[in-house]
Amino acid sequence: VIGPLIQKVNVGDLVDCEITGFDEHPVISRNN
C-alpha cells in the first residue's frame, strides 16, 4: 500500500497531480 506517500503529498501537490499525474498519486482519489 502506498501509505507513506500520502504524508509526503501536500495540498498544492494534490491539485498539481490531479491535473498532470493522477495515476501516479491515487491519494487524490480520496480527496475528490
C-alpha atoms as a PDB file:
ATOM      1  CA  VAL A   1       0.000   0.000   0.000  1.00  0.00           C
ATOM      2  CA  ILE A   2       1.229   3.481  -0.849  1.00  0.00           C
ATOM      3  CA  GLY A   3       0.588   4.876   2.627  1.00  0.00           C
ATOM      4  CA  PRO A   4       3.772   6.888   3.260  1.00  0.00           C
ATOM      5  CA  LEU A   5       3.212   8.728   0.003  1.00  0.00           C
ATOM      6  CA  ILE A   6       0.089  10.333   1.436  1.00  0.00           C
ATOM      7  CA  GLN A   7       2.103  12.078   4.119  1.00  0.00           C
ATOM      8  CA  LYS A   8       4.625  13.434   1.589  1.00  0.00           C
ATOM      9  CA  VAL A   9       1.959  14.842  -0.712  1.00  0.00           C
ATOM     10  CA  ASN A  10       0.987  18.432   0.056  1.00  0.00           C
ATOM     11  CA  VAL A  11      -2.268  20.229  -0.745  1.00  0.00           C
ATOM     12  CA  GLY A  12      -0.545  22.036  -3.631  1.00  0.00           C
ATOM     13  CA  ASP A  13       0.801  18.744  -4.944  1.00  0.00           C
ATOM     14  CA  LEU A  14      -2.675  17.202  -4.838  1.00  0.00           C
ATOM     15  CA  VAL A  15      -4.029  19.880  -7.145  1.00  0.00           C
ATOM     16  CA  ASP A  16      -0.994  19.686  -9.422  1.00  0.00           C
ATOM     17  CA  CYS A  17      -1.007  15.890  -9.609  1.00  0.00           C
ATOM     18  CA  GLU A  18      -4.727  15.811 -10.218  1.00  0.00           C
ATOM     19  CA  ILE A  19      -4.112  17.808 -13.396  1.00  0.00           C
ATOM     20  CA  THR A  20      -0.870  16.121 -14.500  1.00  0.00           C
ATOM     21  CA  GLY A  21      -0.183  12.689 -12.980  1.00  0.00           C
ATOM     22  CA  PHE A  22      -3.359  11.391 -11.386  1.00  0.00           C
ATOM     23  CA  ASP A  23      -2.299   7.782 -11.917  1.00  0.00           C
ATOM     24  CA  GLU A  24       0.946   8.390 -10.039  1.00  0.00           C
ATOM     25  CA  HIS A  25      -0.921   9.624  -6.964  1.00  0.00           C
ATOM     26  CA  PRO A  26      -4.018   7.520  -6.156  1.00  0.00           C
ATOM     27  CA  VAL A  27      -4.237   9.559  -2.961  1.00  0.00           C
ATOM     28  CA  ILE A  28      -6.016  12.263  -4.928  1.00  0.00           C
ATOM     29  CA  SER A  29      -8.982   9.947  -5.455  1.00  0.00           C
ATOM     30  CA  ARG A  30      -9.844  10.194  -1.763  1.00  0.00           C
ATOM     31  CA  ASN A  31      -9.592  13.993  -1.991  1.00  0.00           C
ATOM     32  CA  ASN A  32     -12.414  14.202  -4.519  1.00  0.00           C
END
